[in-house]
Amino acid sequence: MLNNNLLTLGLPAITTPPLPQAVDAFTSLTITADPTAKTLTLNFAPKISSLMGVQLLATPGISAGISFVKSEFRILTQMNQNHTTGFAAGPVYIARFGAIPAAGTKIFVKMFQVVYASGQAGIPIQASCISTVV
């Protein structure tokens, strides 16, 4: 799993198992989606450390009544310290799923941090929103 995390971030695999180390974790995540403006905005804290990469996953638009979506997540992109809160994920979401879902449709987003040096992943944070026209 460590090497899978590194390869997904575009980093080389490791050959020596690392010692366990602390991995940063997000404390908050909120998302908003607007299908008319074609926007998906992520607000998160704390900021991403230069020692960490981030995996960003999302679901396609699903029925607003669904809450179990473990198998629906797909990788959208990787993030680093240059990505800040207020991240405009609309373009990568549209590239992956074709469009921001229609108003009234639910989207889930999940993020977790990965240590660049070892591939160790932190605890994921997940949020959802109902797509609305602002």
C-alpha atoms as a PDB file:
ATOM      1  CA  MET A   1       0.000   0.000   0.000  1.00  0.00           C
ATOM      2  CA  LEU A   2       2.862   2.403   0.732  1.00  0.00           C
ATOM      3  CA  ASN A   3       4.239   2.093  -2.790  1.00  0.00           C
ATOM      4  CA  ASN A   4       0.749   2.433  -4.296  1.00  0.00           C
ATOM      5  CA  ASN A   5       0.375   5.738  -2.449  1.00  0.00           C
ATOM      6  CA  LEU A   6       3.749   6.936  -3.730  1.00  0.00           C
ATOM      7  CA  LEU A   7       3.122   5.822  -7.314  1.00  0.00           C
ATOM      8  CA  THR A   8      -0.259   7.558  -7.358  1.00  0.00           C
ATOM      9  CA  LEU A   9       1.516  10.776  -6.341  1.00  0.00           C
ATOM     10  CA  GLY A  10       4.021  10.257  -9.162  1.00  0.00           C
ATOM     11  CA  LEU A  11       6.902   9.329  -6.848  1.00  0.00           C
ATOM     12  CA  PRO A  12       9.270   6.353  -7.042  1.00  0.00           C
ATOM     13  CA  ALA A  13       8.612   3.200  -5.032  1.00  0.00           C
ATOM     14  CA  ILE A  14      10.595   2.507  -1.867  1.00  0.00           C
ATOM     15  CA  THR A  15      12.529  -0.718  -1.248  1.00  0.00           C
ATOM     16  CA  THR A  16      13.128  -0.418   2.502  1.00  0.00           C
ATOM     17  CA  PRO A  17      10.142  -0.428   4.842  1.00  0.00           C
ATOM     18  CA  PRO A  18       9.960   2.884   6.724  1.00  0.00           C
ATOM     19  CA  LEU A  19       9.499   3.276  10.442  1.00  0.00           C
ATOM     20  CA  PRO A  20       6.038   4.484  11.440  1.00  0.00           C
ATOM     21  CA  GLN A  21       5.793   8.259  11.551  1.00  0.00           C
ATOM     22  CA  ALA A  22       3.201  10.930  12.159  1.00  0.00           C
ATOM     23  CA  VAL A  23       1.028  11.871   9.205  1.00  0.00           C
ATOM     24  CA  ASP A  24      -0.805  15.186   9.074  1.00  0.00           C
ATOM     25  CA  ALA A  25      -4.591  15.040   9.021  1.00  0.00           C
ATOM     26  CA  PHE A  26      -7.224  17.485   7.870  1.00  0.00           C
ATOM     27  CA  THR A  27      -9.481  18.839  10.607  1.00  0.00           C
ATOM     28  CA  SER A  28     -12.194  20.301   8.382  1.00  0.00           C
ATOM     29  CA  LEU A  29     -13.512  19.948   4.836  1.00  0.00           C
ATOM     30  CA  THR A  30     -16.494  21.648   3.214  1.00  0.00           C
ATOM     31  CA  ILE A  31     -17.517  21.582  -0.429  1.00  0.00           C
ATOM     32  CA  THR A  32     -19.913  23.534  -2.623  1.00  0.00           C
ATOM     33  CA  ALA A  33     -21.064  22.651  -6.127  1.00  0.00           C
ATOM     34  CA  ASP A  34     -22.852  24.805  -8.714  1.00  0.00           C
ATOM     35  CA  PRO A  35     -23.775  23.080 -12.000  1.00  0.00           C
ATOM     36  CA  THR A  36     -24.633  26.347 -13.789  1.00  0.00           C
ATOM     37  CA  ALA A  37     -21.294  27.995 -12.960  1.00  0.00           C
ATOM     38  CA  LYS A  38     -19.538  24.604 -13.381  1.00  0.00           C
ATOM     39  CA  THR A  39     -17.783  24.991 -10.035  1.00  0.00           C
ATOM     40  CA  LEU A  40     -16.804  22.609  -7.258  1.00  0.00           C
ATOM     41  CA  THR A  41     -15.000  24.397  -4.438  1.00  0.00           C
ATOM     42  CA  LEU A  42     -13.146  22.729  -1.560  1.00  0.00           C
ATOM     43  CA  ASN A  43     -12.368  24.498   1.695  1.00  0.00           C
ATOM     44  CA  PHE A  44     -10.102  22.610   4.074  1.00  0.00           C
ATOM     45  CA  ALA A  45      -7.842  23.087   7.075  1.00  0.00           C
ATOM     46  CA  PRO A  46      -5.054  23.009   7.949  1.00  0.00           C
ATOM     47  CA  LYS A  47      -2.949  23.929   4.939  1.00  0.00           C
ATOM     48  CA  ILE A  48      -0.954  21.182   3.236  1.00  0.00           C
ATOM     49  CA  SER A  49       2.627  20.744   4.479  1.00  0.00           C
ATOM     50  CA  SER A  50       5.549  20.668   2.052  1.00  0.00           C
ATOM     51  CA  LEU A  51       6.285  17.139   3.345  1.00  0.00           C
ATOM     52  CA  MET A  52       2.879  15.801   2.294  1.00  0.00           C
ATOM     53  CA  GLY A  53       0.991  15.022  -0.862  1.00  0.00           C
ATOM     54  CA  VAL A  54      -2.787  14.715  -0.934  1.00  0.00           C
ATOM     55  CA  GLN A  55      -5.088  12.302  -2.732  1.00  0.00           C
ATOM     56  CA  LEU A  56      -8.392  13.891  -3.744  1.00  0.00           C
ATOM     57  CA  LEU A  57     -11.263  11.524  -4.504  1.00  0.00           C
ATOM     58  CA  ALA A  58     -14.899  12.202  -5.382  1.00  0.00           C
ATOM     59  CA  THR A  59     -18.083  10.437  -6.393  1.00  0.00           C
ATOM     60  CA  PRO A  60     -20.172  11.081  -9.468  1.00  0.00           C
ATOM     61  CA  GLY A  61     -23.508  12.737  -8.768  1.00  0.00           C
ATOM     62  CA  ILE A  62     -25.769  10.394  -6.804  1.00  0.00           C
ATOM     63  CA  SER A  63     -29.254  10.491  -5.324  1.00  0.00           C
ATOM     64  CA  ALA A  64     -29.503  12.895  -2.398  1.00  0.00           C
ATOM     65  CA  GLY A  65     -30.777  10.087  -0.132  1.00  0.00           C
ATOM     66  CA  ILE A  66     -27.679   7.911  -0.481  1.00  0.00           C
ATOM     67  CA  SER A  67     -25.064   8.085   2.272  1.00  0.00           C
ATOM     68  CA  PHE A  68     -22.940   4.910   1.824  1.00  0.00           C
ATOM     69  CA  VAL A  69     -20.631   5.593  -1.122  1.00  0.00           C
ATOM     70  CA  LYS A  70     -17.398   3.722  -0.360  1.00  0.00           C
ATOM     71  CA  SER A  71     -17.315   1.962  -3.748  1.00  0.00           C
ATOM     72  CA  GLU A  72     -18.230   5.109  -5.708  1.00  0.00           C
ATOM     73  CA  PHE A  73     -15.074   7.135  -4.991  1.00  0.00           C
ATOM     74  CA  ARG A  74     -12.731   7.791  -7.910  1.00  0.00           C
ATOM     75  CA  ILE A  75      -9.365   9.575  -7.867  1.00  0.00           C
ATOM     76  CA  LEU A  76      -9.676  13.145  -9.141  1.00  0.00           C
ATOM     77  CA  THR A  77      -6.191  14.532  -8.673  1.00  0.00           C
ATOM     78  CA  GLN A  78      -3.201  14.871  -6.408  1.00  0.00           C
ATOM     79  CA  MET A  79      -2.544  18.029  -4.436  1.00  0.00           C
ATOM     80  CA  ASN A  80       0.484  19.553  -2.719  1.00  0.00           C
ATOM     81  CA  GLN A  81       1.436  22.577  -0.597  1.00  0.00           C
ATOM     82  CA  ASN A  82       0.664  24.891  -3.536  1.00  0.00           C
ATOM     83  CA  HIS A  83      -3.030  23.979  -3.325  1.00  0.00           C
ATOM     84  CA  THR A  84      -4.833  26.091  -0.759  1.00  0.00           C
ATOM     85  CA  THR A  85      -8.275  26.232   0.776  1.00  0.00           C
ATOM     86  CA  GLY A  86     -10.818  27.477  -1.718  1.00  0.00           C
ATOM     87  CA  PHE A  87      -9.388  24.988  -4.236  1.00  0.00           C
ATOM     88  CA  ALA A  88     -11.346  25.043  -7.505  1.00  0.00           C
ATOM     89  CA  ALA A  89     -11.863  21.333  -8.208  1.00  0.00           C
ATOM     90  CA  GLY A  90     -14.464  21.932 -10.929  1.00  0.00           C
ATOM     91  CA  PRO A  91     -12.103  21.403 -13.892  1.00  0.00           C
ATOM     92  CA  VAL A  92     -10.708  18.093 -12.571  1.00  0.00           C
ATOM     93  CA  TYR A  93     -14.200  16.920 -11.592  1.00  0.00           C
ATOM     94  CA  ILE A  94     -15.537  17.708 -15.074  1.00  0.00           C
ATOM     95  CA  ALA A  95     -12.527  15.988 -16.693  1.00  0.00           C
ATOM     96  CA  ARG A  96     -13.272  12.841 -14.661  1.00  0.00           C
ATOM     97  CA  PHE A  97     -17.074  12.723 -14.653  1.00  0.00           C
ATOM     98  CA  GLY A  98     -18.124  14.933 -17.590  1.00  0.00           C
ATOM     99  CA  ALA A  99     -20.052  17.640 -15.724  1.00  0.00           C
ATOM    100  CA  ILE A 100     -20.937  19.033 -12.324  1.00  0.00           C
ATOM    101  CA  PRO A 101     -24.111  17.106 -11.384  1.00  0.00           C
ATOM    102  CA  ALA A 102     -27.532  18.717 -11.726  1.00  0.00           C
ATOM    103  CA  ALA A 103     -29.037  20.696  -8.866  1.00  0.00           C
ATOM    104  CA  GLY A 104     -30.413  18.426  -6.145  1.00  0.00           C
ATOM    105  CA  THR A 105     -27.775  15.749  -6.723  1.00  0.00           C
ATOM    106  CA  LYS A 106     -25.289  14.811  -3.988  1.00  0.00           C
ATOM    107  CA  ILE A 107     -21.493  14.756  -4.368  1.00  0.00           C
ATOM    108  CA  PHE A 108     -19.059  13.242  -1.867  1.00  0.00           C
ATOM    109  CA  VAL A 109     -15.396  14.246  -1.637  1.00  0.00           C
ATOM    110  CA  LYS A 110     -12.655  12.498   0.336  1.00  0.00           C
ATOM    111  CA  MET A 111      -9.082  13.673   0.962  1.00  0.00           C
ATOM    112  CA  PHE A 112      -6.127  12.199   2.795  1.00  0.00           C
ATOM    113  CA  GLN A 113      -2.501  13.168   3.190  1.00  0.00           C
ATOM    114  CA  VAL A 114       0.466  10.969   2.256  1.00  0.00           C
ATOM    115  CA  VAL A 115       4.048  11.395   3.507  1.00  0.00           C
ATOM    116  CA  TYR A 116       6.281  11.935   0.459  1.00  0.00           C
ATOM    117  CA  ALA A 117       9.238  10.109   2.035  1.00  0.00           C
ATOM    118  CA  SER A 118       7.431   6.915   3.052  1.00  0.00           C
ATOM    119  CA  GLY A 119       4.027   6.639   1.387  1.00  0.00           C
ATOM    120  CA  GLN A 120       2.281   6.403   4.750  1.00  0.00           C
ATOM    121  CA  ALA A 121      -1.293   7.690   4.504  1.00  0.00           C
ATOM    122  CA  GLY A 122      -3.158   9.721   7.081  1.00  0.00           C
ATOM    123  CA  ILE A 123      -6.752   9.495   8.210  1.00  0.00           C
ATOM    124  CA  PRO A 124      -9.160  10.461   5.421  1.00  0.00           C
ATOM    125  CA  ILE A 125     -11.697  13.237   5.802  1.00  0.00           C
ATOM    126  CA  GLN A 126     -14.961  13.139   3.885  1.00  0.00           C
ATOM    127  CA  ALA A 127     -17.670  15.698   3.123  1.00  0.00           C
ATOM    128  CA  SER A 128     -20.723  15.904   0.911  1.00  0.00           C
ATOM    129  CA  CYS A 129     -22.926  18.584  -0.561  1.00  0.00           C
ATOM    130  CA  ILE A 130     -26.081  18.897  -2.593  1.00  0.00           C
ATOM    131  CA  SER A 131     -25.379  20.550  -5.929  1.00  0.00           C
ATOM    132  CA  THR A 132     -27.212  23.897  -6.018  1.00  0.00           C
ATOM    133  CA  VAL A 133     -27.470  26.851  -8.361  1.00  0.00           C
ATOM    134  CA  VAL A 134     -26.140  29.919  -6.565  1.00  0.00           C
END
